[in-house]
Amino acid sequence: MTGGSWDPRGGSTRATVAISEEEARLLQEVVEGYCGLAKGVGVGFERKVAPRLEALGFDGFRSYYHHLRYDPDGPRELEDLVECLTTHETYFFREGYQLEAFGVEILAELWHRLRAHKRLTIWSAGCSTGEEVYTVAMLLLEDPRFRGWNIRVVGTDLSRRVVAAAREGNYGAASFRVTEPYFLRKYFEPKGARHRVRDEVRALCSFGQLNLVDTERHRVLWPCDVVFCRNVLMYLSATARHRVVDSFYDTLDPGGWLLLGHSESLLNVTTRFEIAQLSRDLVYRRPPK
């Protein structure tokens, strides 16, 4: 590559070496093998990968591929590459109709089934910057039936950067685009132009980096009562989806719930889960014993 600088909006200020179909295929194979992420070949892929070549000083995509595959620093660079390829768009109380079904119907079932032991574990798989995790925690704090329970709301994500942001729990206005003023006043404290999650919410929550295709590590979360995996499976290859969903089934206790994004389903993925038609949403459930 010749000298030049990168436009912070994502474009290059000078001509770049074009990626060939073979190079794009090789790079996508590496990414998919690492985290299951399946991206189409094309200009968008080239544009997202190119800044990593610039950062490391490579003169072409083939050299970068060899670095990922064979250099001792390749695994660490894969994390940086995946950061360029993934999006982390989320906000509090996203897909409210599903959260209403969760807060009204699923929590009622969980309370009835688990009230003897008073233990509840909820996993947000692909939690991004943490808004979903804290949303679930707030809904639990709003429900008096769960006072005195041992509650864990665990958020995991592939990205170290967003996990760090989730732990910090400090959010700008975009995260509150559909949040009712009641929740903002009760569960957040102002920090300049931003708002920080209050300690009573944070006490229920924990975060960690987790590659979803590393299904052996799912065992540390067993047994789960609910898994939220919303708008994640759509980005995975078919092989990765099968693997991850099968592991969700094994991680959930019998009777446990799986909540996907509104455009996602388990059609052609698995028949192990049963479909539960709630008043506001269609969700999945590991059949009770």
Protein backbone atom coordinates (compact mmCIF):
# COMPACT_ATOMS: atom_id res chain seq x y z
CA MET A 1 0.00 0.00 0.00
CA THR A 2 1.12 3.55 -0.62
CA GLY A 3 1.15 6.19 2.06
CA GLY A 4 -1.97 8.05 3.05
CA SER A 5 -4.48 8.50 5.84
CA TRP A 6 -7.88 7.06 6.63
CA ASP A 7 -11.07 9.07 6.70
CA PRO A 8 -12.65 8.59 10.18
CA ARG A 9 -16.01 8.14 8.46
CA GLY A 10 -14.79 4.84 7.04
CA GLY A 11 -13.44 5.75 3.61
CA SER A 12 -9.85 5.95 2.40
CA THR A 13 -8.19 9.18 1.31
CA ARG A 14 -6.12 7.32 -1.29
CA ALA A 15 -6.36 4.32 -3.56
CA THR A 16 -6.06 0.92 -1.88
CA VAL A 17 -5.11 -2.52 -3.10
CA ALA A 18 -8.31 -4.28 -4.18
CA ILE A 19 -9.20 -7.57 -2.55
CA SER A 20 -9.58 -10.58 -4.82
CA GLU A 21 -12.39 -13.11 -4.46
CA GLU A 22 -9.86 -15.70 -3.32
CA GLU A 23 -8.43 -13.38 -0.65
CA ALA A 24 -11.90 -12.47 0.56
CA ARG A 25 -12.81 -16.17 0.78
CA LEU A 26 -9.67 -17.00 2.76
CA LEU A 27 -10.21 -14.14 5.21
CA GLN A 28 -13.85 -15.05 5.71
CA GLU A 29 -12.89 -18.66 6.38
CA VAL A 30 -10.55 -17.49 9.15
CA VAL A 31 -13.22 -15.24 10.67
CA GLU A 32 -15.92 -17.90 10.45
CA GLY A 33 -13.66 -20.50 12.00
CA TYR A 34 -12.91 -18.16 14.86
CA CYS A 35 -16.36 -16.91 15.80
CA GLY A 36 -18.92 -18.26 13.30
CA LEU A 37 -19.45 -14.84 11.74
CA ALA A 38 -20.56 -15.14 8.11
CA LYS A 39 -20.16 -12.03 5.94
CA GLY A 40 -20.74 -11.69 2.22
CA VAL A 41 -17.92 -11.04 -0.24
CA GLY A 42 -17.96 -7.52 -1.64
CA VAL A 43 -17.03 -3.88 -1.26
CA GLY A 44 -18.35 -3.68 2.27
CA PHE A 45 -16.13 -6.49 3.46
CA GLU A 46 -13.06 -4.99 1.77
CA ARG A 47 -13.74 -1.56 3.26
CA LYS A 48 -14.02 -2.97 6.77
CA VAL A 49 -10.91 -5.14 6.58
CA ALA A 50 -8.63 -2.59 4.89
CA PRO A 51 -8.02 -0.43 8.00
CA ARG A 52 -6.42 -3.40 9.72
CA LEU A 53 -3.88 -3.70 6.89
CA GLU A 54 -3.11 -0.02 7.28
CA ALA A 55 -2.72 -0.34 11.05
CA LEU A 56 -0.21 -3.19 10.73
CA GLY A 57 1.59 -1.94 7.62
CA PHE A 58 0.76 -4.83 5.27
CA ASP A 59 0.97 -4.24 1.53
CA GLY A 60 -1.85 -6.61 0.59
CA PHE A 61 -4.67 -8.82 1.83
CA ARG A 62 -2.73 -12.03 1.22
CA SER A 63 0.00 -10.96 3.64
CA TYR A 64 -2.63 -10.05 6.20
CA TYR A 65 -4.24 -13.47 5.82
CA HIS A 66 -0.92 -15.21 6.48
CA HIS A 67 -0.48 -13.06 9.58
CA LEU A 68 -3.87 -14.16 10.91
CA ARG A 69 -3.23 -17.83 10.18
CA TYR A 70 0.39 -18.32 11.09
CA ASP A 71 1.75 -15.47 13.20
CA PRO A 72 1.75 -15.90 17.01
CA ASP A 73 -0.06 -12.55 17.23
CA GLY A 74 -2.74 -13.74 14.81
CA PRO A 75 -5.35 -14.67 17.45
CA ARG A 76 -5.10 -11.23 19.05
CA GLU A 77 -5.39 -9.55 15.66
CA LEU A 78 -8.49 -11.63 14.92
CA GLU A 79 -10.20 -9.90 17.84
CA ASP A 80 -9.40 -6.50 16.32
CA LEU A 81 -10.58 -7.61 12.89
CA VAL A 82 -13.89 -8.89 14.22
CA GLU A 83 -14.39 -5.53 15.94
CA CYS A 84 -14.30 -3.98 12.45
CA LEU A 85 -16.82 -6.46 11.08
CA THR A 86 -19.45 -6.41 13.81
CA THR A 87 -22.06 -3.87 14.84
CA HIS A 88 -23.13 -3.17 18.40
CA GLU A 89 -26.39 -1.28 17.94
CA THR A 90 -28.58 -1.63 21.01
CA TYR A 91 -30.52 0.40 23.55
CA PHE A 92 -32.59 0.00 26.71
CA PHE A 93 -36.00 -1.71 26.42
CA ARG A 94 -35.38 -2.77 22.82
CA GLU A 95 -38.19 -4.85 21.28
CA GLY A 96 -40.56 -3.83 24.03
CA TYR A 97 -43.36 -6.19 23.02
CA GLN A 98 -41.11 -9.15 23.80
CA LEU A 99 -39.97 -7.63 27.08
CA GLU A 100 -43.62 -7.18 28.03
CA ALA A 101 -44.23 -10.87 27.39
CA PHE A 102 -41.15 -11.66 29.45
CA GLY A 103 -42.18 -9.38 32.32
CA VAL A 104 -45.79 -10.55 32.45
CA GLU A 105 -45.92 -14.18 31.35
CA ILE A 106 -42.42 -15.66 31.54
CA LEU A 107 -41.58 -14.19 34.93
CA ALA A 108 -44.92 -15.44 36.30
CA GLU A 109 -44.08 -18.97 35.14
CA LEU A 110 -40.55 -18.77 36.53
CA TRP A 111 -41.76 -17.54 39.91
CA HIS A 112 -44.27 -20.37 40.15
CA ARG A 113 -41.77 -23.06 39.11
CA LEU A 114 -38.71 -21.81 41.01
CA ARG A 115 -40.21 -20.24 44.12
CA ALA A 116 -39.17 -23.12 46.38
CA HIS A 117 -35.47 -22.50 45.67
CA LYS A 118 -35.61 -18.76 44.89
CA ARG A 119 -32.73 -18.91 42.40
CA LEU A 120 -32.84 -17.39 38.93
CA THR A 121 -30.16 -17.17 36.22
CA ILE A 122 -30.67 -15.20 33.01
CA TRP A 123 -28.05 -15.05 30.26
CA SER A 124 -27.83 -12.31 27.64
CA ALA A 125 -25.71 -13.90 24.89
CA GLY A 126 -24.27 -11.19 22.67
CA CYS A 127 -25.04 -8.45 25.16
CA SER A 128 -23.09 -5.71 23.36
CA THR A 129 -22.72 -2.66 25.63
CA GLY A 130 -25.02 -4.07 28.30
CA GLU A 131 -28.33 -2.28 27.87
CA GLU A 132 -30.25 -5.55 27.59
CA VAL A 133 -28.70 -6.95 30.76
CA TYR A 134 -29.58 -3.88 32.80
CA THR A 135 -33.07 -3.77 31.28
CA VAL A 136 -33.75 -7.31 32.48
CA ALA A 137 -32.38 -6.47 35.92
CA MET A 138 -34.68 -3.45 36.18
CA LEU A 139 -37.71 -5.54 35.25
CA LEU A 140 -36.81 -8.01 37.99
CA LEU A 141 -36.41 -5.21 40.53
CA GLU A 142 -39.85 -3.96 39.56
CA ASP A 143 -41.41 -7.34 40.35
CA PRO A 144 -41.98 -7.75 44.11
CA ARG A 145 -42.26 -11.53 43.76
CA PHE A 146 -38.49 -11.77 43.29
CA ARG A 147 -37.40 -9.83 46.36
CA GLY A 148 -34.97 -11.88 48.40
CA TRP A 149 -34.12 -14.19 45.50
CA ASN A 150 -30.60 -15.16 44.42
CA ILE A 151 -30.59 -13.57 40.96
CA ARG A 152 -27.85 -13.58 38.31
CA VAL A 153 -28.20 -11.64 35.07
CA VAL A 154 -25.10 -12.46 33.04
CA GLY A 155 -24.06 -10.66 29.88
CA THR A 156 -21.43 -12.00 27.48
CA ASP A 157 -20.04 -10.74 24.22
CA LEU A 158 -17.21 -11.57 21.84
CA SER A 159 -15.87 -8.02 22.03
CA ARG A 160 -13.63 -6.99 24.92
CA ARG A 161 -14.40 -3.35 24.18
CA VAL A 162 -18.15 -3.58 24.56
CA VAL A 163 -17.88 -5.81 27.64
CA ALA A 164 -15.74 -3.11 29.26
CA ALA A 165 -18.36 -0.50 28.36
CA ALA A 166 -21.11 -2.71 29.80
CA ARG A 167 -19.25 -3.04 33.08
CA GLU A 168 -18.85 0.73 33.24
CA GLY A 169 -22.61 1.19 32.79
CA ASN A 170 -22.42 4.80 31.68
CA TYR A 171 -24.71 5.71 28.76
CA GLY A 172 -25.53 8.57 26.43
CA ALA A 173 -28.87 9.75 25.10
CA ALA A 174 -29.05 7.25 22.22
CA SER A 175 -29.32 4.36 24.67
CA PHE A 176 -32.50 5.85 26.17
CA ARG A 177 -34.45 6.43 22.95
CA VAL A 178 -37.46 4.40 24.18
CA THR A 179 -36.85 4.46 27.95
CA GLU A 180 -39.71 5.81 30.06
CA PRO A 181 -38.75 8.72 32.35
CA TYR A 182 -39.77 6.60 35.35
CA PHE A 183 -36.95 4.10 34.77
CA LEU A 184 -34.42 6.82 34.00
CA ARG A 185 -35.17 8.60 37.28
CA LYS A 186 -35.32 5.49 39.44
CA TYR A 187 -32.41 3.41 38.17
CA PHE A 188 -29.86 5.90 36.81
CA GLU A 189 -27.81 8.75 38.21
CA PRO A 190 -26.79 11.72 36.04
CA LYS A 191 -23.11 12.00 35.11
CA GLY A 192 -22.82 15.18 33.08
CA ALA A 193 -24.53 14.57 29.75
CA ARG A 194 -24.68 10.83 30.44
CA HIS A 195 -26.38 8.53 32.96
CA ARG A 196 -24.83 5.75 35.04
CA VAL A 197 -26.68 2.63 36.16
CA ARG A 198 -27.33 2.68 39.91
CA ASP A 199 -25.64 0.16 42.17
CA GLU A 200 -28.85 -1.71 43.04
CA VAL A 201 -29.18 -2.69 39.37
CA ARG A 202 -25.48 -3.41 38.91
CA ALA A 203 -25.53 -5.74 41.90
CA LEU A 204 -27.64 -8.24 39.93
CA CYS A 205 -25.44 -8.12 36.83
CA SER A 206 -22.10 -9.48 35.70
CA PHE A 207 -20.28 -9.40 32.36
CA GLY A 208 -17.63 -11.45 30.61
CA GLN A 209 -16.04 -11.97 27.22
CA LEU A 210 -17.26 -15.14 25.54
CA ASN A 211 -17.00 -16.49 22.02
CA LEU A 212 -20.36 -18.18 21.43
CA VAL A 213 -18.91 -20.90 19.23
CA ASP A 214 -16.67 -21.92 22.14
CA THR A 215 -19.56 -23.95 23.51
CA GLU A 216 -17.48 -25.72 26.16
CA ARG A 217 -17.38 -22.44 28.05
CA HIS A 218 -21.17 -22.29 28.13
CA ARG A 219 -21.01 -24.82 30.95
CA VAL A 220 -19.97 -22.16 33.45
CA LEU A 221 -23.43 -20.61 33.02
CA TRP A 222 -25.37 -23.82 33.61
CA PRO A 223 -28.12 -24.04 34.66
CA CYS A 224 -29.86 -21.09 33.00
CA ASP A 225 -33.54 -20.31 33.25
CA VAL A 226 -33.70 -17.82 30.38
CA VAL A 227 -31.37 -17.11 27.46
CA PHE A 228 -31.72 -13.88 25.52
CA CYS A 229 -29.91 -14.13 22.18
CA ARG A 230 -31.49 -11.40 20.13
CA ASN A 231 -30.21 -10.34 16.71
CA VAL A 232 -27.08 -12.49 16.97
CA LEU A 233 -27.86 -15.78 15.22
CA MET A 234 -28.65 -13.98 11.97
CA TYR A 235 -24.97 -13.10 11.58
CA LEU A 236 -23.67 -16.64 12.09
CA SER A 237 -23.07 -19.37 9.56
CA ALA A 238 -25.51 -22.28 9.47
CA THR A 239 -22.97 -24.56 11.12
CA ALA A 240 -22.33 -22.08 13.93
CA ARG A 241 -26.06 -21.51 14.48
CA HIS A 242 -26.68 -25.23 14.93
CA ARG A 243 -23.79 -25.54 17.35
CA VAL A 244 -24.72 -22.52 19.43
CA VAL A 245 -28.45 -23.31 19.62
CA ASP A 246 -27.76 -26.91 20.65
CA SER A 247 -25.56 -25.57 23.43
CA PHE A 248 -28.29 -23.15 24.53
CA TYR A 249 -30.61 -26.15 24.87
CA ASP A 250 -28.09 -27.99 27.03
CA THR A 251 -27.39 -24.87 29.13
CA LEU A 252 -31.07 -24.27 29.89
CA ASP A 253 -32.81 -26.17 32.65
CA PRO A 254 -35.89 -28.15 31.51
CA GLY A 255 -38.65 -25.59 31.14
CA GLY A 256 -36.13 -22.82 30.39
CA TRP A 257 -36.83 -20.10 27.84
CA LEU A 258 -34.96 -18.93 24.71
CA LEU A 259 -35.78 -15.45 23.36
CA LEU A 260 -34.55 -14.51 19.89
CA GLY A 261 -34.78 -11.32 17.85
CA HIS A 262 -37.99 -10.50 16.01
CA SER A 263 -36.55 -11.55 12.63
CA GLU A 264 -34.95 -14.77 13.87
CA SER A 265 -36.31 -18.29 14.22
CA LEU A 266 -35.14 -21.85 14.74
CA LEU A 267 -36.61 -23.00 11.44
CA ASN A 268 -34.09 -25.35 9.80
CA VAL A 269 -31.87 -25.08 12.89
CA THR A 270 -33.28 -27.50 15.46
CA THR A 271 -36.48 -29.21 16.55
CA ARG A 272 -35.37 -29.74 20.16
CA PHE A 273 -37.15 -26.62 21.43
CA GLU A 274 -40.89 -26.29 21.63
CA ILE A 275 -42.65 -23.15 20.42
CA ALA A 276 -44.50 -21.12 23.03
CA GLN A 277 -47.15 -18.69 21.78
CA LEU A 278 -47.39 -15.90 24.32
CA SER A 279 -49.85 -13.03 24.12
CA ARG A 280 -47.28 -10.63 22.66
CA ASP A 281 -44.62 -12.84 21.11
CA LEU A 282 -43.55 -16.22 19.84
CA VAL A 283 -40.66 -17.66 21.86
CA TYR A 284 -38.91 -20.97 22.38
CA ARG A 285 -38.73 -23.26 25.37
CA ARG A 286 -36.82 -26.34 26.39
CA PRO A 287 -39.62 -28.81 27.15
CA PRO A 288 -40.28 -29.31 30.87
CA LYS A 289 -39.65 -32.72 32.38
